[in-house]
Amino acid sequence: MQRRFSDYLIVSLKGLAMGAADAIPGISGGTIAFISGIYEELIATISNIKPSLFRTLFKEGIVAFWKEANGNFALALLLGIVISYVSFMKLAKYLLEYHPILIWSFFFGLIVASIYFVGKQITKWNVSTIIALIIGACIAFYISILPVMAANDNLLFLFFAGAIAICAMILPGISGSFILIILGAYKTISDAIHDIDIKKLLIFIAGAIIGLLSFSHALKWLFKNYHNVTLALLTGFIFGSLNKVWPWKETLTWYTNSKGIKEPLLQESVSPFSFNGDSQLLVASILMIIGFLSIFILEKIGSKKQ
């Protein structure tokens, strides 16, 4: 079906939501792509970046290249992501610093609702899908409680960190920035951006590009050959990530960022009734409900034919 301009505006709006999610350490833009109905198209578009695509450019021209690359979709989505990420990053930092319980409550409600809407896309439940769901949930939960590795600025390590983090970024439920923290690469990359260390940044980006292209091919193959099992696995990832976005946490260890400011590094989920401080339970509960209901809007948009 041929998309209209209004359809691409909707794609950009979904990109805005993805960018806002990616600006929050612990939230994956892949989750938003998944629940808004563009995840499989996104994976297919990324996996289509291969030598044959560039042969089309040289043999048939830019129009054929753009069409084969699904360029309109990619551009509309990327514009939304970049605009949102850049504009929301400062707001996200402020909210995480001064109102962490409230922002995590909203995202917790959003992710709880998304589990239902993603899970209902599985057309047939059987032993395989149930096992995949459990495995996905266990992996995501285990990642959320992993101890943090020591900081490492080895160039080969940064290459692989980029590849792993970008894979996590496109997986629903797992945050790429959180993976960088676990690997001990978050501070190194943060410092590299602050100091404009071109060498480290280029190596990290190269790893991210190779990881993204490789992993997208694997996901495309899984969707094509094991659609229900793959959906169940990804649903499990989202379910297991709930521990990471639980609003009430106690900080166990801290780290110092590139500006010399101490920030939470390793945290443990606690009950709101045993939280050391103002639990803001009423407002947090309202925001959970708002986040929960907002998924119905995203799902309605995502269910429309593009």
Protein backbone atom coordinates (compact mmCIF):
# COMPACT_ATOMS: atom_id res chain seq x y z
CA MET A 1 0.00 0.00 0.00
CA GLN A 2 1.31 3.43 -1.01
CA ARG A 3 1.89 5.69 1.96
CA ARG A 4 0.59 9.23 2.00
CA PHE A 5 2.29 12.26 3.54
CA SER A 6 0.08 11.92 6.63
CA ASP A 7 1.26 8.33 7.04
CA TYR A 8 4.87 9.50 7.16
CA LEU A 9 3.93 12.12 9.74
CA ILE A 10 2.63 9.27 11.91
CA VAL A 11 5.94 7.41 11.38
CA SER A 12 7.78 10.55 12.52
CA LEU A 13 5.56 10.74 15.61
CA LYS A 14 6.52 7.16 16.43
CA GLY A 15 10.14 8.23 15.94
CA LEU A 16 9.56 11.05 18.43
CA ALA A 17 8.37 8.49 20.97
CA MET A 18 11.37 6.25 20.26
CA GLY A 19 13.80 9.14 20.70
CA ALA A 20 12.20 10.14 24.01
CA ALA A 21 12.52 6.54 25.24
CA ASP A 22 16.16 6.27 24.15
CA ALA A 23 16.95 9.45 26.11
CA ILE A 24 16.08 7.57 29.33
CA PRO A 25 18.81 5.14 30.47
CA GLY A 26 16.97 1.87 31.04
CA ILE A 27 14.27 2.38 28.37
CA SER A 28 14.67 0.92 24.88
CA GLY A 29 13.46 2.70 21.76
CA GLY A 30 12.94 -0.80 20.40
CA THR A 31 10.09 -1.26 22.88
CA ILE A 32 8.29 1.77 21.43
CA ALA A 33 8.90 0.57 17.86
CA PHE A 34 7.51 -2.82 18.82
CA ILE A 35 4.31 -1.60 20.45
CA SER A 36 3.64 1.04 17.77
CA GLY A 37 3.64 -1.52 14.96
CA ILE A 38 6.80 -0.62 13.03
CA TYR A 39 9.36 -2.97 14.58
CA GLU A 40 9.46 -5.60 11.84
CA GLU A 41 9.59 -2.96 9.09
CA LEU A 42 12.41 -1.21 10.95
CA ILE A 43 14.41 -4.45 11.20
CA ALA A 44 13.75 -5.27 7.54
CA THR A 45 14.84 -1.76 6.47
CA ILE A 46 18.09 -1.95 8.46
CA SER A 47 18.87 -5.49 7.23
CA ASN A 48 18.36 -4.34 3.64
CA ILE A 49 21.56 -2.26 3.85
CA LYS A 50 23.90 -4.59 1.95
CA PRO A 51 26.15 -4.55 -1.16
CA SER A 52 23.25 -5.29 -3.56
CA LEU A 53 21.52 -2.10 -2.38
CA PHE A 54 24.49 0.01 -3.48
CA ARG A 55 24.72 -1.88 -6.77
CA THR A 56 21.17 -0.70 -7.38
CA LEU A 57 22.34 2.87 -6.79
CA PHE A 58 25.09 2.67 -9.41
CA LYS A 59 23.12 0.63 -11.97
CA GLU A 60 19.58 1.98 -11.71
CA GLY A 61 20.00 5.40 -10.11
CA ILE A 62 19.02 7.12 -6.90
CA VAL A 63 15.23 6.74 -7.34
CA ALA A 64 15.42 2.93 -7.50
CA PHE A 65 17.97 2.96 -4.65
CA TRP A 66 15.74 5.11 -2.45
CA LYS A 67 12.72 2.90 -3.09
CA GLU A 68 14.61 -0.35 -2.40
CA ALA A 69 16.11 1.18 0.77
CA ASN A 70 12.62 2.19 2.01
CA GLY A 71 14.13 5.66 2.22
CA ASN A 72 10.96 7.63 2.97
CA PHE A 73 10.19 5.45 6.00
CA ALA A 74 13.80 5.56 7.24
CA LEU A 75 14.06 9.34 6.83
CA ALA A 76 10.70 10.05 8.52
CA LEU A 77 11.55 7.79 11.45
CA LEU A 78 15.12 9.06 11.83
CA LEU A 79 13.98 12.70 11.81
CA GLY A 80 11.54 11.96 14.63
CA ILE A 81 14.15 10.06 16.66
CA VAL A 82 16.87 12.71 16.31
CA ILE A 83 14.59 15.69 16.99
CA SER A 84 13.08 14.01 20.04
CA TYR A 85 16.35 12.66 21.43
CA VAL A 86 18.15 16.00 21.21
CA SER A 87 15.24 18.04 22.59
CA PHE A 88 14.17 15.55 25.28
CA MET A 89 17.64 14.68 26.57
CA LYS A 90 17.95 17.71 28.87
CA LEU A 91 14.39 17.30 30.13
CA ALA A 92 15.01 13.59 30.75
CA LYS A 93 18.18 14.40 32.69
CA TYR A 94 16.27 16.91 34.82
CA LEU A 95 13.40 14.50 35.50
CA LEU A 96 15.75 11.63 36.36
CA GLU A 97 17.69 13.86 38.74
CA TYR A 98 14.80 15.58 40.52
CA HIS A 99 11.71 13.39 39.88
CA PRO A 100 12.97 9.83 39.25
CA ILE A 101 9.99 8.07 40.86
CA LEU A 102 7.51 9.96 38.69
CA ILE A 103 9.20 9.40 35.34
CA TRP A 104 9.87 5.71 36.10
CA SER A 105 6.23 5.29 37.17
CA PHE A 106 5.01 6.56 33.80
CA PHE A 107 7.32 4.20 31.90
CA PHE A 108 6.46 1.29 34.19
CA GLY A 109 2.76 1.68 33.35
CA LEU A 110 3.62 2.03 29.67
CA ILE A 111 5.67 -1.18 29.63
CA VAL A 112 3.12 -3.20 31.61
CA ALA A 113 0.46 -2.36 29.03
CA SER A 114 2.85 -3.06 26.15
CA ILE A 115 3.35 -6.65 27.36
CA TYR A 116 -0.32 -7.35 26.66
CA PHE A 117 -0.40 -5.66 23.27
CA VAL A 118 2.84 -7.27 22.10
CA GLY A 119 1.85 -10.68 23.45
CA LYS A 120 -1.49 -10.67 21.65
CA GLN A 121 0.37 -10.52 18.31
CA ILE A 122 1.42 -14.13 18.92
CA THR A 123 -1.07 -16.09 16.83
CA LYS A 124 -0.40 -19.52 18.34
CA TRP A 125 0.67 -20.37 21.88
CA ASN A 126 2.41 -23.70 22.44
CA VAL A 127 5.30 -25.17 24.44
CA SER A 128 7.90 -23.43 22.23
CA THR A 129 6.40 -19.95 22.62
CA ILE A 130 5.97 -20.36 26.39
CA ILE A 131 9.60 -21.49 26.77
CA ALA A 132 10.76 -18.57 24.60
CA LEU A 133 8.74 -16.16 26.76
CA ILE A 134 10.30 -17.51 29.96
CA ILE A 135 13.83 -17.46 28.49
CA GLY A 136 13.41 -13.86 27.30
CA ALA A 137 12.12 -12.74 30.70
CA CYS A 138 14.95 -14.49 32.56
CA ILE A 139 17.64 -13.01 30.28
CA ALA A 140 16.29 -9.45 30.62
CA PHE A 141 15.89 -9.76 34.40
CA TYR A 142 19.39 -11.22 34.76
CA ILE A 143 20.86 -8.35 32.73
CA SER A 144 19.06 -5.85 34.97
CA ILE A 145 20.83 -7.20 38.09
CA LEU A 146 24.31 -7.83 36.62
CA PRO A 147 27.22 -6.30 38.54
CA VAL A 148 28.97 -3.47 36.76
CA MET A 149 32.39 -4.08 35.19
CA ALA A 150 35.32 -1.76 35.77
CA ALA A 151 35.79 1.11 33.32
CA ASN A 152 37.71 0.07 30.21
CA ASP A 153 39.03 2.28 27.41
CA ASN A 154 40.74 -0.43 25.32
CA LEU A 155 39.95 0.31 21.66
CA LEU A 156 39.06 -3.28 20.74
CA PHE A 157 36.79 -3.43 23.78
CA LEU A 158 35.06 -0.20 22.70
CA PHE A 159 34.42 -1.69 19.26
CA PHE A 160 32.67 -4.73 20.74
CA ALA A 161 30.87 -2.56 23.32
CA GLY A 162 29.40 -0.53 20.46
CA ALA A 163 28.27 -3.69 18.68
CA ILE A 164 26.63 -5.14 21.82
CA ALA A 165 25.02 -1.87 22.92
CA ILE A 166 23.41 -1.19 19.54
CA CYS A 167 21.97 -4.72 19.49
CA ALA A 168 20.46 -4.07 22.91
CA MET A 169 19.10 -0.74 21.72
CA ILE A 170 16.94 -2.35 19.02
CA LEU A 171 15.79 -5.14 21.31
CA PRO A 172 12.53 -4.33 23.13
CA GLY A 173 13.02 -4.01 26.87
CA ILE A 174 16.81 -3.70 26.95
CA SER A 175 18.51 -0.31 26.99
CA GLY A 176 21.74 0.19 25.07
CA SER A 177 22.95 2.82 27.54
CA PHE A 178 22.31 0.43 30.44
CA ILE A 179 24.37 -2.24 28.65
CA LEU A 180 27.21 0.27 28.30
CA ILE A 181 27.04 0.91 32.06
CA ILE A 182 27.22 -2.83 32.80
CA LEU A 183 30.16 -3.28 30.40
CA GLY A 184 32.04 -0.40 32.00
CA ALA A 185 32.03 1.58 28.75
CA TYR A 186 29.43 4.23 29.59
CA LYS A 187 31.84 6.60 31.35
CA THR A 188 34.51 6.05 28.66
CA ILE A 189 32.09 6.96 25.86
CA SER A 190 30.66 9.82 27.88
CA ASP A 191 34.16 11.20 28.40
CA ALA A 192 35.00 10.69 24.72
CA ILE A 193 31.95 12.75 23.71
CA HIS A 194 32.81 15.42 26.27
CA ASP A 195 36.48 15.57 25.18
CA ILE A 196 35.65 15.09 21.46
CA ASP A 197 37.97 12.06 21.28
CA ILE A 198 37.44 11.31 17.57
CA LYS A 199 39.46 8.06 17.57
CA LYS A 200 37.47 6.40 20.36
CA LEU A 201 34.16 7.66 18.99
CA LEU A 202 34.86 6.40 15.45
CA ILE A 203 35.82 2.94 16.73
CA PHE A 204 32.72 2.80 18.90
CA ILE A 205 30.51 3.92 15.98
CA ALA A 206 32.13 1.36 13.65
CA GLY A 207 31.31 -1.40 16.14
CA ALA A 208 27.74 -0.10 16.44
CA ILE A 209 27.22 -0.07 12.65
CA ILE A 210 28.58 -3.59 12.16
CA GLY A 211 26.60 -4.88 15.15
CA LEU A 212 23.40 -3.24 13.92
CA LEU A 213 23.65 -4.62 10.38
CA SER A 214 24.60 -8.12 11.56
CA PHE A 215 21.95 -8.35 14.26
CA SER A 216 19.17 -6.96 12.08
CA HIS A 217 19.80 -9.76 9.55
CA ALA A 218 19.52 -12.33 12.34
CA LEU A 219 16.27 -10.80 13.61
CA LYS A 220 14.81 -10.63 10.10
CA TRP A 221 15.59 -14.33 9.61
CA LEU A 222 14.03 -15.21 12.98
CA PHE A 223 10.84 -13.29 12.17
CA LYS A 224 10.60 -14.99 8.80
CA ASN A 225 11.17 -18.55 10.05
CA TYR A 226 10.06 -18.47 13.72
CA HIS A 227 7.63 -15.57 13.93
CA ASN A 228 5.63 -16.61 17.01
CA VAL A 229 8.65 -17.84 18.95
CA THR A 230 10.54 -14.63 18.20
CA LEU A 231 7.57 -12.51 19.31
CA ALA A 232 7.34 -14.55 22.51
CA LEU A 233 11.06 -14.11 23.19
CA LEU A 234 10.82 -10.33 22.68
CA THR A 235 7.71 -10.18 24.87
CA GLY A 236 9.74 -11.94 27.54
CA PHE A 237 12.48 -9.32 27.18
CA ILE A 238 9.94 -6.58 27.88
CA PHE A 239 8.50 -8.46 30.88
CA GLY A 240 11.94 -9.12 32.36
CA SER A 241 12.92 -5.46 31.99
CA LEU A 242 10.22 -4.35 34.46
CA ASN A 243 12.74 -4.70 37.30
CA LYS A 244 14.90 -2.04 35.66
CA VAL A 245 12.06 0.51 35.41
CA TRP A 246 10.54 -0.16 38.86
CA PRO A 247 10.14 3.36 40.33
CA TRP A 248 11.27 2.72 43.91
CA LYS A 249 14.97 1.92 44.22
CA GLU A 250 17.78 2.17 46.71
CA THR A 251 21.19 3.08 45.31
CA LEU A 252 23.93 0.61 46.24
CA THR A 253 26.87 2.15 44.35
CA TRP A 254 27.58 5.40 42.55
CA TYR A 255 29.84 6.51 39.69
CA THR A 256 31.29 9.89 38.73
CA ASN A 257 30.37 11.17 35.26
CA SER A 258 32.55 13.21 32.89
CA LYS A 259 31.56 16.43 34.67
CA GLY A 260 32.58 15.10 38.09
CA ILE A 261 28.99 14.62 39.27
CA LYS A 262 28.04 11.47 41.22
CA GLU A 263 25.21 9.47 39.64
CA PRO A 264 23.49 6.16 40.62
CA LEU A 265 25.24 3.11 39.17
CA LEU A 266 23.88 -0.02 40.83
CA GLN A 267 20.36 0.08 42.29
CA GLU A 268 18.03 -2.38 44.00
CA SER A 269 14.23 -2.40 43.66
CA VAL A 270 12.32 -1.98 46.94
CA SER A 271 8.69 -1.74 48.01
CA PRO A 272 7.20 1.79 47.99
CA PHE A 273 6.24 1.16 51.63
CA SER A 274 9.86 0.50 52.65
CA PHE A 275 11.33 3.23 50.41
CA ASN A 276 13.72 5.52 52.25
CA GLY A 277 12.11 8.89 51.51
CA ASP A 278 8.89 10.26 50.01
CA SER A 279 7.41 7.42 47.93
CA GLN A 280 4.98 9.81 46.15
CA LEU A 281 2.73 6.76 45.88
CA LEU A 282 -0.47 8.57 44.83
CA VAL A 283 1.08 10.65 42.04
CA ALA A 284 3.21 7.70 40.95
CA SER A 285 0.12 5.48 40.71
CA ILE A 286 -1.68 8.10 38.59
CA LEU A 287 1.31 8.35 36.24
CA MET A 288 1.41 4.55 35.95
CA ILE A 289 -2.22 4.62 34.84
CA ILE A 290 -1.50 7.42 32.34
CA GLY A 291 1.44 5.45 30.95
CA PHE A 292 -0.73 2.33 30.79
CA LEU A 293 -3.53 4.12 28.92
CA SER A 294 -1.13 5.87 26.53
CA ILE A 295 -0.26 2.48 25.06
CA PHE A 296 -3.84 2.15 23.83
CA ILE A 297 -3.28 5.28 21.73
CA LEU A 298 0.04 3.96 20.36
CA GLU A 299 -1.52 0.58 19.66
CA LYS A 300 -4.44 2.19 17.84
CA ILE A 301 -2.07 4.17 15.65
CA GLY A 302 0.11 1.12 15.10
CA SER A 303 -2.87 -1.01 14.04
CA LYS A 304 -3.72 1.33 11.19
CA LYS A 305 -2.66 0.22 7.74
CA GLN A 306 0.35 2.13 6.60
